[in-house]
N, C-alpha and C. Protein backbone atom coordinates (compact mmCIF):
# COMPACT_ATOMS: atom_id res chain seq x y z
N UNK A 1 -5.43 -63.83 -115.17
CA UNK A 1 -6.61 -63.63 -115.95
C UNK A 1 -7.70 -64.64 -115.56
N UNK A 2 -7.43 -65.92 -115.75
CA UNK A 2 -8.38 -66.95 -115.36
C UNK A 2 -7.84 -67.66 -114.13
N UNK A 3 -8.72 -67.89 -113.19
CA UNK A 3 -8.30 -68.65 -112.01
C UNK A 3 -8.48 -70.13 -112.30
N UNK A 4 -7.58 -70.90 -111.79
CA UNK A 4 -7.64 -72.33 -111.99
C UNK A 4 -8.69 -72.93 -111.07
N UNK A 5 -9.51 -73.79 -111.61
CA UNK A 5 -10.56 -74.44 -110.82
C UNK A 5 -9.94 -75.45 -109.86
N UNK A 6 -10.49 -75.51 -108.69
CA UNK A 6 -10.01 -76.46 -107.68
C UNK A 6 -10.78 -77.77 -107.86
N UNK A 7 -10.05 -78.85 -107.98
CA UNK A 7 -10.68 -80.16 -108.11
C UNK A 7 -11.21 -80.62 -106.77
N UNK A 8 -12.36 -81.23 -106.79
CA UNK A 8 -12.94 -81.78 -105.57
C UNK A 8 -12.44 -83.21 -105.38
N UNK A 9 -12.18 -83.55 -104.15
CA UNK A 9 -11.73 -84.91 -103.85
C UNK A 9 -12.92 -85.86 -103.93
N UNK A 10 -12.63 -87.15 -104.01
CA UNK A 10 -13.72 -88.14 -104.04
C UNK A 10 -14.51 -88.08 -102.73
N UNK A 11 -13.82 -87.84 -101.63
CA UNK A 11 -14.52 -87.70 -100.36
C UNK A 11 -15.47 -86.52 -100.41
N UNK A 12 -15.00 -85.40 -100.92
CA UNK A 12 -15.85 -84.22 -101.04
C UNK A 12 -17.05 -84.46 -101.93
N UNK A 13 -16.85 -85.20 -103.01
CA UNK A 13 -17.95 -85.52 -103.91
C UNK A 13 -18.98 -86.41 -103.22
N UNK A 14 -18.50 -87.40 -102.48
CA UNK A 14 -19.41 -88.30 -101.77
C UNK A 14 -20.19 -87.55 -100.70
N UNK A 15 -19.51 -86.64 -100.01
CA UNK A 15 -20.20 -85.86 -98.98
C UNK A 15 -21.25 -84.95 -99.59
N UNK A 16 -20.98 -84.41 -100.77
CA UNK A 16 -21.99 -83.55 -101.40
C UNK A 16 -23.22 -84.37 -101.80
N UNK A 17 -23.04 -85.62 -102.17
CA UNK A 17 -24.19 -86.49 -102.46
C UNK A 17 -24.97 -86.75 -101.17
N UNK A 18 -24.27 -87.05 -100.08
CA UNK A 18 -24.95 -87.29 -98.81
C UNK A 18 -25.71 -86.05 -98.35
N UNK A 19 -25.09 -84.87 -98.49
CA UNK A 19 -25.77 -83.63 -98.10
C UNK A 19 -27.02 -83.40 -98.94
N UNK A 20 -26.94 -83.67 -100.23
CA UNK A 20 -28.10 -83.49 -101.10
C UNK A 20 -29.23 -84.44 -100.69
N UNK A 21 -28.89 -85.67 -100.35
CA UNK A 21 -29.91 -86.63 -99.88
C UNK A 21 -30.50 -86.17 -98.56
N UNK A 22 -29.67 -85.63 -97.70
CA UNK A 22 -30.14 -85.13 -96.42
C UNK A 22 -31.11 -83.95 -96.62
N UNK A 23 -30.89 -83.19 -97.68
CA UNK A 23 -31.77 -82.06 -98.01
C UNK A 23 -33.05 -82.49 -98.72
N UNK A 24 -33.21 -83.79 -98.95
CA UNK A 24 -34.45 -84.30 -99.51
C UNK A 24 -34.43 -84.62 -100.99
N UNK A 25 -33.28 -84.51 -101.62
CA UNK A 25 -33.18 -84.86 -103.04
C UNK A 25 -33.02 -86.37 -103.13
N UNK A 26 -33.90 -87.02 -103.89
CA UNK A 26 -33.94 -88.49 -103.92
C UNK A 26 -33.64 -89.09 -105.28
N UNK A 27 -34.01 -88.40 -106.36
CA UNK A 27 -33.90 -88.97 -107.70
C UNK A 27 -32.47 -88.87 -108.22
N UNK A 28 -32.02 -89.89 -108.96
CA UNK A 28 -30.64 -89.91 -109.45
C UNK A 28 -30.25 -88.69 -110.29
N UNK A 29 -31.11 -88.26 -111.19
CA UNK A 29 -30.77 -87.11 -112.04
C UNK A 29 -30.72 -85.83 -111.22
N UNK A 30 -31.60 -85.70 -110.27
CA UNK A 30 -31.58 -84.49 -109.42
C UNK A 30 -30.34 -84.47 -108.54
N UNK A 31 -29.93 -85.65 -108.06
CA UNK A 31 -28.68 -85.73 -107.28
C UNK A 31 -27.50 -85.31 -108.15
N UNK A 32 -27.47 -85.79 -109.38
CA UNK A 32 -26.39 -85.45 -110.31
C UNK A 32 -26.34 -83.94 -110.52
N UNK A 33 -27.49 -83.32 -110.76
CA UNK A 33 -27.53 -81.88 -111.00
C UNK A 33 -27.18 -81.08 -109.75
N UNK A 34 -27.69 -81.51 -108.60
CA UNK A 34 -27.45 -80.78 -107.35
C UNK A 34 -25.98 -80.79 -106.95
N UNK A 35 -25.29 -81.86 -107.31
CA UNK A 35 -23.88 -81.99 -106.93
C UNK A 35 -22.93 -81.61 -108.06
N UNK A 36 -23.50 -81.22 -109.21
CA UNK A 36 -22.70 -80.76 -110.36
C UNK A 36 -21.68 -81.80 -110.80
N UNK A 37 -22.18 -83.01 -111.06
CA UNK A 37 -21.33 -84.12 -111.51
C UNK A 37 -21.86 -84.68 -112.82
N UNK A 38 -21.02 -85.43 -113.49
CA UNK A 38 -21.47 -86.16 -114.68
C UNK A 38 -22.32 -87.35 -114.23
N UNK A 39 -23.11 -87.87 -115.16
CA UNK A 39 -23.96 -89.02 -114.86
C UNK A 39 -23.11 -90.21 -114.43
N UNK A 40 -22.06 -90.49 -115.19
CA UNK A 40 -21.22 -91.66 -114.91
C UNK A 40 -20.59 -91.58 -113.53
N UNK A 41 -20.00 -90.44 -113.22
CA UNK A 41 -19.35 -90.27 -111.92
C UNK A 41 -20.37 -90.34 -110.79
N UNK A 42 -21.50 -89.66 -110.94
CA UNK A 42 -22.49 -89.67 -109.86
C UNK A 42 -23.01 -91.08 -109.61
N UNK A 43 -23.24 -91.86 -110.66
CA UNK A 43 -23.74 -93.22 -110.49
C UNK A 43 -22.69 -94.11 -109.82
N UNK A 44 -21.44 -93.92 -110.18
CA UNK A 44 -20.35 -94.69 -109.56
C UNK A 44 -20.27 -94.40 -108.06
N UNK A 45 -20.34 -93.12 -107.69
CA UNK A 45 -20.23 -92.75 -106.28
C UNK A 45 -21.47 -93.15 -105.50
N UNK A 46 -22.65 -93.00 -106.10
CA UNK A 46 -23.88 -93.41 -105.42
C UNK A 46 -23.86 -94.91 -105.16
N UNK A 47 -23.43 -95.69 -106.13
CA UNK A 47 -23.34 -97.15 -105.95
C UNK A 47 -22.41 -97.48 -104.78
N UNK A 48 -21.27 -96.79 -104.70
CA UNK A 48 -20.34 -97.01 -103.59
C UNK A 48 -20.95 -96.66 -102.25
N UNK A 49 -21.73 -95.57 -102.21
CA UNK A 49 -22.38 -95.17 -100.96
C UNK A 49 -23.47 -96.16 -100.56
N UNK A 50 -24.17 -96.71 -101.54
CA UNK A 50 -25.19 -97.73 -101.25
C UNK A 50 -24.51 -99.00 -100.74
N UNK A 51 -23.44 -99.42 -101.42
CA UNK A 51 -22.72 -100.63 -101.01
C UNK A 51 -22.13 -100.50 -99.60
N UNK A 52 -21.72 -99.28 -99.23
CA UNK A 52 -21.13 -99.05 -97.91
C UNK A 52 -22.19 -98.85 -96.83
N UNK A 53 -23.46 -98.72 -97.22
CA UNK A 53 -24.52 -98.56 -96.24
C UNK A 53 -24.84 -97.14 -95.86
N UNK A 54 -24.34 -96.16 -96.60
CA UNK A 54 -24.62 -94.75 -96.30
C UNK A 54 -25.90 -94.26 -96.98
N UNK A 55 -26.26 -94.89 -98.09
CA UNK A 55 -27.50 -94.61 -98.80
C UNK A 55 -28.27 -95.90 -98.97
N UNK A 56 -29.58 -95.76 -99.09
CA UNK A 56 -30.45 -96.91 -99.33
C UNK A 56 -31.16 -96.70 -100.66
N UNK A 57 -31.13 -97.71 -101.51
CA UNK A 57 -31.84 -97.67 -102.79
C UNK A 57 -33.25 -98.19 -102.58
N UNK A 58 -34.23 -97.39 -103.00
CA UNK A 58 -35.63 -97.79 -102.90
C UNK A 58 -36.20 -97.82 -104.31
N UNK A 59 -36.75 -98.97 -104.68
CA UNK A 59 -37.39 -99.12 -106.00
C UNK A 59 -38.90 -99.00 -105.81
N UNK A 60 -39.51 -98.10 -106.56
CA UNK A 60 -40.94 -97.86 -106.42
C UNK A 60 -41.79 -98.72 -107.33
N UNK A 61 -41.17 -99.43 -108.24
CA UNK A 61 -41.93 -100.27 -109.15
C UNK A 61 -41.01 -101.17 -109.95
N UNK A 62 -41.57 -101.88 -110.91
CA UNK A 62 -40.78 -102.84 -111.68
C UNK A 62 -39.80 -102.19 -112.66
N UNK A 63 -40.10 -100.97 -113.11
CA UNK A 63 -39.22 -100.30 -114.06
C UNK A 63 -37.95 -99.87 -113.35
N UNK A 64 -36.83 -100.39 -113.78
CA UNK A 64 -35.55 -100.15 -113.13
C UNK A 64 -35.11 -98.69 -113.16
N UNK A 65 -35.42 -97.98 -114.22
CA UNK A 65 -34.81 -96.68 -114.44
C UNK A 65 -35.53 -95.53 -113.74
N UNK A 66 -36.81 -95.38 -113.97
CA UNK A 66 -37.48 -94.17 -113.50
C UNK A 66 -38.03 -94.28 -112.09
N UNK A 67 -37.88 -95.40 -111.48
CA UNK A 67 -38.48 -95.59 -110.16
C UNK A 67 -37.46 -95.76 -109.05
N UNK A 68 -36.24 -95.29 -109.26
CA UNK A 68 -35.22 -95.40 -108.23
C UNK A 68 -35.20 -94.14 -107.37
N UNK A 69 -35.10 -94.32 -106.07
CA UNK A 69 -34.96 -93.22 -105.13
C UNK A 69 -33.87 -93.60 -104.14
N UNK A 70 -33.14 -92.61 -103.67
CA UNK A 70 -32.08 -92.86 -102.70
C UNK A 70 -32.39 -92.10 -101.42
N UNK A 71 -32.31 -92.80 -100.30
CA UNK A 71 -32.53 -92.19 -98.99
C UNK A 71 -31.26 -92.36 -98.17
N UNK A 72 -30.94 -91.36 -97.39
CA UNK A 72 -29.77 -91.44 -96.53
C UNK A 72 -30.11 -92.32 -95.33
N UNK A 73 -29.18 -93.16 -94.92
CA UNK A 73 -29.38 -94.05 -93.78
C UNK A 73 -28.89 -93.37 -92.51
N UNK A 74 -29.14 -94.01 -91.38
CA UNK A 74 -28.63 -93.48 -90.10
C UNK A 74 -27.11 -93.38 -90.13
N UNK A 75 -26.48 -94.37 -90.73
CA UNK A 75 -25.02 -94.38 -90.84
C UNK A 75 -24.56 -93.15 -91.64
N UNK A 76 -25.25 -92.83 -92.72
CA UNK A 76 -24.92 -91.66 -93.52
C UNK A 76 -25.14 -90.36 -92.75
N UNK A 77 -26.24 -90.30 -92.00
CA UNK A 77 -26.52 -89.11 -91.18
C UNK A 77 -25.45 -88.92 -90.13
N UNK A 78 -25.02 -90.02 -89.51
CA UNK A 78 -23.98 -89.93 -88.48
C UNK A 78 -22.67 -89.40 -89.05
N UNK A 79 -22.33 -89.81 -90.27
CA UNK A 79 -21.11 -89.31 -90.91
C UNK A 79 -21.20 -87.80 -91.11
N UNK A 80 -22.34 -87.32 -91.60
CA UNK A 80 -22.50 -85.88 -91.82
C UNK A 80 -22.44 -85.10 -90.51
N UNK A 81 -23.08 -85.62 -89.47
CA UNK A 81 -23.06 -84.95 -88.16
C UNK A 81 -21.63 -84.88 -87.64
N UNK A 82 -20.91 -85.99 -87.73
CA UNK A 82 -19.53 -86.05 -87.26
C UNK A 82 -18.66 -85.04 -88.01
N UNK A 83 -18.81 -84.98 -89.32
CA UNK A 83 -17.98 -84.06 -90.11
C UNK A 83 -18.35 -82.60 -89.87
N UNK A 84 -19.61 -82.31 -89.61
CA UNK A 84 -20.00 -80.94 -89.28
C UNK A 84 -19.38 -80.51 -87.96
N UNK A 85 -19.37 -81.42 -86.98
CA UNK A 85 -18.73 -81.11 -85.70
C UNK A 85 -17.24 -80.88 -85.89
N UNK A 86 -16.62 -81.69 -86.73
CA UNK A 86 -15.19 -81.54 -87.02
C UNK A 86 -14.92 -80.20 -87.69
N UNK A 87 -15.76 -79.81 -88.65
CA UNK A 87 -15.61 -78.51 -89.30
C UNK A 87 -15.74 -77.38 -88.29
N UNK A 88 -16.68 -77.50 -87.36
CA UNK A 88 -16.85 -76.47 -86.33
C UNK A 88 -15.61 -76.34 -85.46
N UNK A 89 -14.98 -77.46 -85.13
CA UNK A 89 -13.76 -77.43 -84.32
C UNK A 89 -12.61 -76.77 -85.08
N UNK A 90 -12.52 -77.07 -86.36
CA UNK A 90 -11.43 -76.51 -87.16
C UNK A 90 -11.63 -75.02 -87.38
N UNK A 91 -12.86 -74.59 -87.62
CA UNK A 91 -13.14 -73.19 -87.93
C UNK A 91 -13.25 -72.30 -86.71
N UNK A 92 -13.38 -72.90 -85.54
CA UNK A 92 -13.74 -72.22 -84.31
C UNK A 92 -14.19 -70.87 -84.62
């Protein structure tokens, strides 16, 4: 009757954030909505991606909350390119 939902791995969740940033989504709330995550989880994963150097946090002003933007770094772009090539090899 009902199909069981498939859980996404943390890697899959992080990749969806990187893909959203690559598509031009910069604001934290828009990233959360685009990747279909809770606020808490999205903020935790975004912080990890920033700490690892895959995303860059840009502050547009003194207000901490409404002026945050996230941009994908070259390192983040390289990860996405590598994984797309890997997907192509697997799917031939």
